[in-house]
Amino acid sequence: MASEITVTALRFAFLALLWLFIFMVLTASRRDLGIGRNVRSSRPQVEEAAQVSAPAQPPARASQLVVLEGAQAGALMRLGDQPVTIGRSLDIEVSLQDDYASGRHARLFPQGSRWFLEDLGSTNGTFLGEQRLTRATPVEVGQPFRVGHTTLQLRA
């Protein structure tokens, strides 16, 4: 038979593992819900040199967001002049039916005649082509980007 000290040590070890599991579940829930996340108020700056070399008439900014691949393939959304949040949450502008998208996964925002895409600290990342985004990046009309397993595209 095992000594009473060994049994007590195993009980404490089991209790410690149980609390560690509970802590990990709460941490993952907090991350997915965005609780305690710092909100950045600054927007990326567009380089002035790029605007100087641009043609006299600026290109038309994209006005539609289309889902190319995923559960909602073929869905179309009209874009205005406001930023658009993309993710799995139901209280945002573009709510995806994608288990690989975070609640608030990415943000699309207009600046001048272009749209910029930034990842909002998602678990699986946001991809423009094959490149994972680490900062706000301009998205050209017709260029596909991926949020979770859903592929989207801007159209004029």
N, C-alpha and C. Protein backbone atom coordinates (compact mmCIF):
# COMPACT_ATOMS: atom_id res chain seq x y z
N MET A 1 0.82 -1.18 0.00
CA MET A 1 0.00 0.00 0.00
C MET A 1 0.88 1.26 0.00
N ALA A 2 0.35 2.27 -0.61
CA ALA A 2 1.07 3.54 -0.68
C ALA A 2 0.96 4.25 0.66
N SER A 3 2.00 4.96 0.99
CA SER A 3 1.98 5.68 2.25
C SER A 3 1.00 6.85 2.17
N GLU A 4 0.57 7.32 3.30
CA GLU A 4 -0.41 8.41 3.35
C GLU A 4 0.17 9.70 2.79
N ILE A 5 1.45 9.92 2.92
CA ILE A 5 2.11 11.12 2.37
C ILE A 5 2.05 11.09 0.85
N THR A 6 2.26 9.94 0.24
CA THR A 6 2.20 9.81 -1.23
C THR A 6 0.80 10.09 -1.73
N VAL A 7 -0.20 9.56 -1.07
CA VAL A 7 -1.59 9.79 -1.48
C VAL A 7 -1.95 11.27 -1.37
N THR A 8 -1.53 11.91 -0.30
CA THR A 8 -1.79 13.34 -0.11
C THR A 8 -1.08 14.17 -1.19
N ALA A 9 0.15 13.82 -1.51
CA ALA A 9 0.90 14.53 -2.56
C ALA A 9 0.21 14.36 -3.92
N LEU A 10 -0.29 13.18 -4.22
CA LEU A 10 -1.01 12.96 -5.48
C LEU A 10 -2.31 13.76 -5.53
N ARG A 11 -3.00 13.86 -4.40
CA ARG A 11 -4.23 14.66 -4.35
C ARG A 11 -3.94 16.13 -4.64
N PHE A 12 -2.87 16.67 -4.04
CA PHE A 12 -2.50 18.07 -4.29
C PHE A 12 -2.06 18.28 -5.73
N ALA A 13 -1.35 17.33 -6.30
CA ALA A 13 -0.92 17.44 -7.70
C ALA A 13 -2.14 17.44 -8.62
N PHE A 14 -3.11 16.57 -8.35
CA PHE A 14 -4.33 16.53 -9.15
C PHE A 14 -5.09 17.85 -9.03
N LEU A 15 -5.19 18.38 -7.82
CA LEU A 15 -5.86 19.66 -7.60
C LEU A 15 -5.15 20.79 -8.35
N ALA A 16 -3.84 20.79 -8.34
CA ALA A 16 -3.07 21.82 -9.06
C ALA A 16 -3.31 21.72 -10.57
N LEU A 17 -3.34 20.51 -11.12
CA LEU A 17 -3.61 20.33 -12.54
C LEU A 17 -5.02 20.77 -12.90
N LEU A 18 -5.97 20.51 -12.02
CA LEU A 18 -7.35 20.94 -12.26
C LEU A 18 -7.45 22.45 -12.32
N TRP A 19 -6.79 23.15 -11.39
CA TRP A 19 -6.80 24.61 -11.39
C TRP A 19 -6.06 25.17 -12.61
N LEU A 20 -5.00 24.53 -13.03
CA LEU A 20 -4.28 24.96 -14.23
C LEU A 20 -5.18 24.84 -15.45
N PHE A 21 -5.93 23.77 -15.57
CA PHE A 21 -6.86 23.59 -16.68
C PHE A 21 -7.93 24.68 -16.67
N ILE A 22 -8.50 24.97 -15.51
CA ILE A 22 -9.52 26.02 -15.40
C ILE A 22 -8.93 27.37 -15.81
N PHE A 23 -7.72 27.68 -15.37
CA PHE A 23 -7.07 28.92 -15.74
C PHE A 23 -6.86 29.02 -17.25
N MET A 24 -6.45 27.92 -17.89
CA MET A 24 -6.24 27.93 -19.34
C MET A 24 -7.55 28.15 -20.09
N VAL A 25 -8.64 27.55 -19.64
CA VAL A 25 -9.95 27.75 -20.27
C VAL A 25 -10.38 29.20 -20.14
N LEU A 26 -10.23 29.80 -18.97
CA LEU A 26 -10.60 31.20 -18.77
C LEU A 26 -9.74 32.13 -19.62
N THR A 27 -8.46 31.84 -19.74
CA THR A 27 -7.57 32.66 -20.57
C THR A 27 -7.98 32.61 -22.04
N ALA A 28 -8.29 31.42 -22.54
CA ALA A 28 -8.71 31.29 -23.94
C ALA A 28 -10.04 32.00 -24.17
N SER A 29 -10.96 31.89 -23.24
CA SER A 29 -12.26 32.57 -23.37
C SER A 29 -12.07 34.07 -23.37
N ARG A 30 -11.21 34.57 -22.49
CA ARG A 30 -10.97 36.00 -22.44
C ARG A 30 -10.36 36.52 -23.74
N ARG A 31 -9.43 35.75 -24.30
CA ARG A 31 -8.79 36.15 -25.56
C ARG A 31 -9.80 36.17 -26.70
N ASP A 32 -10.66 35.15 -26.80
CA ASP A 32 -11.64 35.10 -27.88
C ASP A 32 -12.71 36.17 -27.74
N LEU A 33 -13.08 36.53 -26.53
CA LEU A 33 -14.10 37.55 -26.32
C LEU A 33 -13.53 38.96 -26.38
N GLY A 34 -12.21 39.09 -26.32
CA GLY A 34 -11.58 40.41 -26.41
C GLY A 34 -11.68 41.20 -25.13
N ILE A 35 -11.86 40.55 -23.98
CA ILE A 35 -11.98 41.25 -22.71
C ILE A 35 -10.61 41.74 -22.29
N GLY A 36 -10.53 43.02 -21.95
CA GLY A 36 -9.28 43.59 -21.48
C GLY A 36 -8.32 43.99 -22.58
N ARG A 37 -8.74 43.95 -23.82
CA ARG A 37 -7.86 44.30 -24.93
C ARG A 37 -7.72 45.81 -25.02
N ASN A 38 -6.51 46.28 -25.21
CA ASN A 38 -6.28 47.71 -25.39
C ASN A 38 -6.71 48.11 -26.79
N VAL A 39 -7.43 49.21 -26.89
CA VAL A 39 -7.89 49.69 -28.19
C VAL A 39 -6.92 50.74 -28.67
N ARG A 40 -6.43 50.55 -29.89
CA ARG A 40 -5.51 51.52 -30.46
C ARG A 40 -6.31 52.59 -31.18
N SER A 41 -5.98 53.84 -30.91
CA SER A 41 -6.72 54.92 -31.55
C SER A 41 -5.98 55.51 -32.74
N SER A 42 -4.71 55.20 -32.89
CA SER A 42 -3.95 55.75 -34.01
C SER A 42 -4.14 54.90 -35.25
N ARG A 43 -4.14 55.56 -36.38
CA ARG A 43 -4.26 54.86 -37.65
C ARG A 43 -2.93 54.96 -38.39
N PRO A 44 -2.63 53.96 -39.22
CA PRO A 44 -1.37 54.01 -39.96
C PRO A 44 -1.33 55.22 -40.90
N GLN A 45 -0.14 55.74 -41.09
CA GLN A 45 0.04 56.88 -41.97
C GLN A 45 0.37 56.41 -43.38
N VAL A 46 -0.24 57.04 -44.35
CA VAL A 46 0.06 56.74 -45.75
C VAL A 46 1.23 57.62 -46.15
N GLU A 47 2.17 57.05 -46.84
CA GLU A 47 3.35 57.81 -47.24
C GLU A 47 2.98 58.91 -48.23
N GLU A 48 3.48 60.12 -47.98
CA GLU A 48 3.19 61.26 -48.84
C GLU A 48 3.81 61.09 -50.23
N ALA A 49 4.96 60.42 -50.30
CA ALA A 49 5.64 60.26 -51.59
C ALA A 49 4.79 59.44 -52.54
N ALA A 50 4.05 58.49 -52.05
CA ALA A 50 3.20 57.67 -52.91
C ALA A 50 2.07 58.50 -53.49
N GLN A 51 1.59 59.50 -52.73
CA GLN A 51 0.51 60.34 -53.24
C GLN A 51 1.00 61.32 -54.29
N VAL A 52 2.25 61.78 -54.19
CA VAL A 52 2.79 62.73 -55.14
C VAL A 52 2.94 62.08 -56.52
N SER A 53 3.37 60.81 -56.57
CA SER A 53 3.59 60.16 -57.85
C SER A 53 2.31 59.54 -58.42
N ALA A 54 1.20 59.67 -57.72
CA ALA A 54 -0.07 59.11 -58.20
C ALA A 54 -0.60 59.92 -59.37
N PRO A 55 -1.43 59.31 -60.24
CA PRO A 55 -2.01 60.04 -61.35
C PRO A 55 -2.94 61.15 -60.86
N ALA A 56 -3.27 62.08 -61.75
CA ALA A 56 -4.10 63.23 -61.37
C ALA A 56 -5.45 62.80 -60.83
N GLN A 57 -6.06 61.77 -61.40
CA GLN A 57 -7.36 61.30 -60.93
C GLN A 57 -7.14 60.05 -60.07
N PRO A 58 -7.52 60.10 -58.79
CA PRO A 58 -7.30 58.92 -57.94
C PRO A 58 -8.18 57.76 -58.38
N PRO A 59 -7.69 56.53 -58.24
CA PRO A 59 -8.49 55.38 -58.62
C PRO A 59 -9.72 55.25 -57.73
N ALA A 60 -10.75 54.67 -58.27
CA ALA A 60 -11.99 54.50 -57.50
C ALA A 60 -11.76 53.53 -56.35
N ARG A 61 -12.23 53.91 -55.17
CA ARG A 61 -12.07 53.04 -54.01
C ARG A 61 -13.10 51.92 -54.08
N ALA A 62 -12.71 50.77 -53.59
CA ALA A 62 -13.60 49.61 -53.60
C ALA A 62 -14.89 49.94 -52.84
N SER A 63 -16.01 49.44 -53.33
CA SER A 63 -17.30 49.72 -52.70
C SER A 63 -18.03 48.44 -52.29
N GLN A 64 -17.43 47.27 -52.56
CA GLN A 64 -18.07 46.01 -52.21
C GLN A 64 -17.06 45.05 -51.61
N LEU A 65 -17.55 44.21 -50.70
CA LEU A 65 -16.75 43.14 -50.11
C LEU A 65 -17.46 41.84 -50.45
N VAL A 66 -16.75 40.92 -51.11
CA VAL A 66 -17.34 39.67 -51.58
C VAL A 66 -16.65 38.49 -50.91
N VAL A 67 -17.44 37.50 -50.49
CA VAL A 67 -16.89 36.26 -49.93
C VAL A 67 -16.67 35.30 -51.09
N LEU A 68 -15.41 34.94 -51.35
CA LEU A 68 -15.08 34.04 -52.46
C LEU A 68 -15.17 32.58 -52.05
N GLU A 69 -14.61 32.23 -50.88
CA GLU A 69 -14.59 30.85 -50.41
C GLU A 69 -14.98 30.81 -48.95
N GLY A 70 -15.67 29.75 -48.57
CA GLY A 70 -16.08 29.58 -47.18
C GLY A 70 -17.56 29.26 -47.11
N ALA A 71 -18.08 29.21 -45.90
CA ALA A 71 -19.48 28.84 -45.69
C ALA A 71 -20.45 29.83 -46.33
N GLN A 72 -20.04 31.08 -46.47
CA GLN A 72 -20.93 32.12 -47.02
C GLN A 72 -20.49 32.56 -48.42
N ALA A 73 -19.89 31.66 -49.18
CA ALA A 73 -19.39 32.00 -50.52
C ALA A 73 -20.50 32.64 -51.35
N GLY A 74 -20.16 33.73 -52.03
CA GLY A 74 -21.11 34.44 -52.86
C GLY A 74 -21.76 35.62 -52.16
N ALA A 75 -21.62 35.73 -50.85
CA ALA A 75 -22.22 36.84 -50.11
C ALA A 75 -21.53 38.14 -50.50
N LEU A 76 -22.30 39.22 -50.55
CA LEU A 76 -21.80 40.52 -50.97
C LEU A 76 -22.23 41.57 -49.95
N MET A 77 -21.31 42.47 -49.61
CA MET A 77 -21.63 43.56 -48.69
C MET A 77 -21.17 44.87 -49.29
N ARG A 78 -22.01 45.86 -49.23
CA ARG A 78 -21.65 47.19 -49.71
C ARG A 78 -20.85 47.91 -48.63
N LEU A 79 -19.77 48.57 -49.05
CA LEU A 79 -18.91 49.28 -48.13
C LEU A 79 -19.20 50.77 -48.20
N GLY A 80 -19.14 51.42 -47.08
CA GLY A 80 -19.31 52.88 -47.02
C GLY A 80 -17.99 53.54 -46.72
N ASP A 81 -18.03 54.55 -45.86
CA ASP A 81 -16.82 55.26 -45.47
C ASP A 81 -16.38 54.93 -44.05
N GLN A 82 -17.00 53.94 -43.43
CA GLN A 82 -16.70 53.56 -42.06
C GLN A 82 -15.85 52.29 -42.03
N PRO A 83 -15.03 52.12 -40.98
CA PRO A 83 -14.28 50.87 -40.83
C PRO A 83 -15.22 49.68 -40.68
N VAL A 84 -14.77 48.51 -41.11
CA VAL A 84 -15.56 47.28 -41.06
C VAL A 84 -14.78 46.25 -40.26
N THR A 85 -15.42 45.71 -39.22
CA THR A 85 -14.80 44.66 -38.42
C THR A 85 -15.27 43.31 -38.95
N ILE A 86 -14.33 42.37 -39.09
CA ILE A 86 -14.63 41.04 -39.64
C ILE A 86 -14.30 40.00 -38.58
N GLY A 87 -15.20 39.05 -38.39
CA GLY A 87 -14.95 37.98 -37.42
C GLY A 87 -16.16 37.10 -37.22
N ARG A 88 -16.14 36.33 -36.14
CA ARG A 88 -17.19 35.36 -35.86
C ARG A 88 -18.28 35.92 -34.96
N SER A 89 -18.02 37.03 -34.28
CA SER A 89 -18.97 37.63 -33.37
C SER A 89 -20.22 38.08 -34.12
N LEU A 90 -21.36 38.07 -33.46
CA LEU A 90 -22.62 38.45 -34.11
C LEU A 90 -22.88 39.95 -34.08
N ASP A 91 -22.15 40.71 -33.26
CA ASP A 91 -22.42 42.14 -33.12
C ASP A 91 -21.43 43.02 -33.90
N ILE A 92 -20.88 42.52 -34.99
CA ILE A 92 -19.95 43.29 -35.82
C ILE A 92 -20.49 43.40 -37.23
N GLU A 93 -19.81 44.16 -38.07
CA GLU A 93 -20.32 44.44 -39.42
C GLU A 93 -20.32 43.20 -40.32
N VAL A 94 -19.25 42.43 -40.33
CA VAL A 94 -19.18 41.23 -41.18
C VAL A 94 -19.00 40.03 -40.26
N SER A 95 -20.09 39.32 -40.00
CA SER A 95 -20.08 38.15 -39.13
C SER A 95 -19.93 36.90 -39.98
N LEU A 96 -18.84 36.15 -39.77
CA LEU A 96 -18.55 34.97 -40.56
C LEU A 96 -18.97 33.70 -39.84
N GLN A 97 -19.39 32.72 -40.58
CA GLN A 97 -19.68 31.40 -40.04
C GLN A 97 -18.44 30.55 -40.28
N ASP A 98 -17.41 30.82 -39.48
CA ASP A 98 -16.11 30.18 -39.67
C ASP A 98 -15.52 29.90 -38.29
N ASP A 99 -15.35 28.62 -37.97
CA ASP A 99 -14.81 28.24 -36.66
C ASP A 99 -13.36 28.64 -36.49
N TYR A 100 -12.66 28.97 -37.56
CA TYR A 100 -11.26 29.34 -37.48
C TYR A 100 -11.06 30.85 -37.40
N ALA A 101 -12.15 31.62 -37.39
CA ALA A 101 -12.07 33.06 -37.24
C ALA A 101 -12.30 33.41 -35.78
N SER A 102 -11.59 34.40 -35.29
CA SER A 102 -11.78 34.88 -33.92
C SER A 102 -13.04 35.74 -33.87
N GLY A 103 -13.47 36.07 -32.68
CA GLY A 103 -14.67 36.91 -32.52
C GLY A 103 -14.52 38.24 -33.25
N ARG A 104 -13.44 38.93 -33.01
CA ARG A 104 -13.09 40.16 -33.73
C ARG A 104 -11.73 39.88 -34.35
N HIS A 105 -11.74 39.41 -35.57
CA HIS A 105 -10.55 38.86 -36.21
C HIS A 105 -9.71 39.92 -36.92
N ALA A 106 -10.36 40.73 -37.76
CA ALA A 106 -9.62 41.70 -38.57
C ALA A 106 -10.47 42.95 -38.76
N ARG A 107 -9.81 44.02 -39.21
CA ARG A 107 -10.52 45.28 -39.46
C ARG A 107 -10.10 45.81 -40.82
N LEU A 108 -11.07 46.25 -41.59
CA LEU A 108 -10.86 46.86 -42.89
C LEU A 108 -11.25 48.33 -42.73
N PHE A 109 -10.36 49.25 -43.07
CA PHE A 109 -10.71 50.66 -42.91
C PHE A 109 -10.22 51.48 -44.11
N PRO A 110 -11.02 52.49 -44.49
CA PRO A 110 -10.63 53.33 -45.63
C PRO A 110 -9.70 54.45 -45.18
N GLN A 111 -8.79 54.78 -46.08
CA GLN A 111 -7.92 55.93 -45.87
C GLN A 111 -7.59 56.49 -47.25
N GLY A 112 -8.10 57.67 -47.53
CA GLY A 112 -7.93 58.23 -48.86
C GLY A 112 -8.71 57.41 -49.86
N SER A 113 -8.05 56.99 -50.93
CA SER A 113 -8.72 56.20 -51.97
C SER A 113 -8.44 54.70 -51.82
N ARG A 114 -7.90 54.29 -50.69
CA ARG A 114 -7.52 52.88 -50.50
C ARG A 114 -8.18 52.31 -49.24
N TRP A 115 -8.23 50.99 -49.21
CA TRP A 115 -8.66 50.26 -48.02
C TRP A 115 -7.44 49.59 -47.40
N PHE A 116 -7.37 49.60 -46.09
CA PHE A 116 -6.29 48.95 -45.36
C PHE A 116 -6.88 47.82 -44.53
N LEU A 117 -6.11 46.73 -44.39
CA LEU A 117 -6.53 45.57 -43.62
C LEU A 117 -5.54 45.36 -42.49
N GLU A 118 -6.06 45.14 -41.27
CA GLU A 118 -5.19 44.84 -40.14
C GLU A 118 -5.77 43.72 -39.31
N ASP A 119 -4.88 42.90 -38.79
CA ASP A 119 -5.27 41.80 -37.91
C ASP A 119 -5.48 42.37 -36.51
N LEU A 120 -6.52 41.90 -35.82
CA LEU A 120 -6.83 42.41 -34.49
C LEU A 120 -6.37 41.45 -33.39
N GLY A 121 -5.21 40.85 -33.59
CA GLY A 121 -4.67 39.93 -32.59
C GLY A 121 -5.35 38.58 -32.61
N SER A 122 -5.76 38.14 -33.78
CA SER A 122 -6.47 36.86 -33.91
C SER A 122 -5.54 35.68 -33.64
N THR A 123 -6.14 34.55 -33.33
CA THR A 123 -5.37 33.35 -33.04
C THR A 123 -4.75 32.77 -34.31
N ASN A 124 -5.52 32.68 -35.39
CA ASN A 124 -5.06 32.02 -36.62
C ASN A 124 -4.48 32.99 -37.65
N GLY A 125 -4.50 34.27 -37.39
CA GLY A 125 -3.90 35.24 -38.30
C GLY A 125 -4.79 35.63 -39.46
N THR A 126 -4.42 36.74 -40.09
CA THR A 126 -5.09 37.25 -41.29
C THR A 126 -4.04 37.25 -42.39
N PHE A 127 -4.41 36.76 -43.57
CA PHE A 127 -3.45 36.60 -44.66
C PHE A 127 -3.87 37.41 -45.88
N LEU A 128 -2.93 38.14 -46.44
CA LEU A 128 -3.11 38.86 -47.70
C LEU A 128 -2.25 38.11 -48.70
N GLY A 129 -2.91 37.36 -49.58
CA GLY A 129 -2.18 36.42 -50.43
C GLY A 129 -1.68 35.30 -49.55
N GLU A 130 -0.38 35.06 -49.53
CA GLU A 130 0.21 34.04 -48.66
C GLU A 130 0.93 34.65 -47.46
N GLN A 131 0.90 35.98 -47.35
CA GLN A 131 1.65 36.68 -46.30
C GLN A 131 0.74 36.97 -45.10
N ARG A 132 1.20 36.56 -43.91
CA ARG A 132 0.46 36.84 -42.68
C ARG A 132 0.68 38.30 -42.29
N LEU A 133 -0.40 39.00 -41.97
CA LEU A 133 -0.29 40.42 -41.65
C LEU A 133 0.24 40.63 -40.23
N THR A 134 1.17 41.57 -40.11
CA THR A 134 1.70 41.96 -38.81
C THR A 134 1.38 43.42 -38.51
N ARG A 135 0.92 44.15 -39.51
CA ARG A 135 0.54 45.56 -39.34
C ARG A 135 -0.51 45.88 -40.41
N ALA A 136 -1.09 47.07 -40.33
CA ALA A 136 -2.07 47.48 -41.32
C ALA A 136 -1.42 47.53 -42.70
N THR A 137 -2.08 46.92 -43.68
CA THR A 137 -1.53 46.79 -45.03
C THR A 137 -2.59 47.19 -46.05
N PRO A 138 -2.21 47.95 -47.09
CA PRO A 138 -3.20 48.31 -48.12
C PRO A 138 -3.64 47.09 -48.91
N VAL A 139 -4.94 47.06 -49.24
CA VAL A 139 -5.52 45.97 -50.02
C VAL A 139 -6.00 46.56 -51.34
N GLU A 140 -5.53 46.01 -52.42
CA GLU A 140 -5.94 46.48 -53.74
C GLU A 140 -7.24 45.82 -54.16
N VAL A 141 -7.97 46.47 -55.04
CA VAL A 141 -9.22 45.91 -55.58
C VAL A 141 -8.88 44.61 -56.31
N GLY A 142 -9.62 43.55 -56.02
CA GLY A 142 -9.40 42.27 -56.67
C GLY A 142 -8.39 41.37 -55.98
N GLN A 143 -7.70 41.87 -54.97
CA GLN A 143 -6.69 41.08 -54.26
C GLN A 143 -7.38 40.28 -53.14
N PRO A 144 -7.31 38.95 -53.18
CA PRO A 144 -7.98 38.15 -52.14
C PRO A 144 -7.22 38.18 -50.82
N PHE A 145 -7.97 38.11 -49.72
CA PHE A 145 -7.37 37.98 -48.39
C PHE A 145 -8.17 36.95 -47.60
N ARG A 146 -7.50 36.37 -46.60
CA ARG A 146 -8.11 35.25 -45.87
C ARG A 146 -8.24 35.56 -44.38
N VAL A 147 -9.44 35.29 -43.86
CA VAL A 147 -9.75 35.42 -42.44
C VAL A 147 -10.25 34.04 -42.01
N GLY A 148 -9.47 33.33 -41.19
CA GLY A 148 -9.82 31.95 -40.85
C GLY A 148 -9.73 31.10 -42.11
N HIS A 149 -10.81 30.39 -42.43
CA HIS A 149 -10.86 29.61 -43.67
C HIS A 149 -11.72 30.30 -44.73
N THR A 150 -12.06 31.55 -44.51
CA THR A 150 -12.89 32.31 -45.44
C THR A 150 -12.02 33.25 -46.26
N THR A 151 -12.19 33.23 -47.58
CA THR A 151 -11.44 34.11 -48.48
C THR A 151 -12.38 35.21 -48.95
N LEU A 152 -11.92 36.44 -48.83
CA LEU A 152 -12.72 37.61 -49.22
C LEU A 152 -11.96 38.43 -50.25
N GLN A 153 -12.68 39.37 -50.89
CA GLN A 153 -12.07 40.20 -51.92
C GLN A 153 -12.81 41.53 -51.99
N LEU A 154 -12.05 42.60 -52.24
CA LEU A 154 -12.65 43.93 -52.46
C LEU A 154 -12.95 44.09 -53.94
N ARG A 155 -14.08 44.69 -54.24
CA ARG A 155 -14.44 44.99 -55.63
C ARG A 155 -14.92 46.41 -55.74
N ALA A 156 -14.68 47.02 -56.91
CA ALA A 156 -15.08 48.40 -57.15
C ALA A 156 -16.57 48.51 -57.42
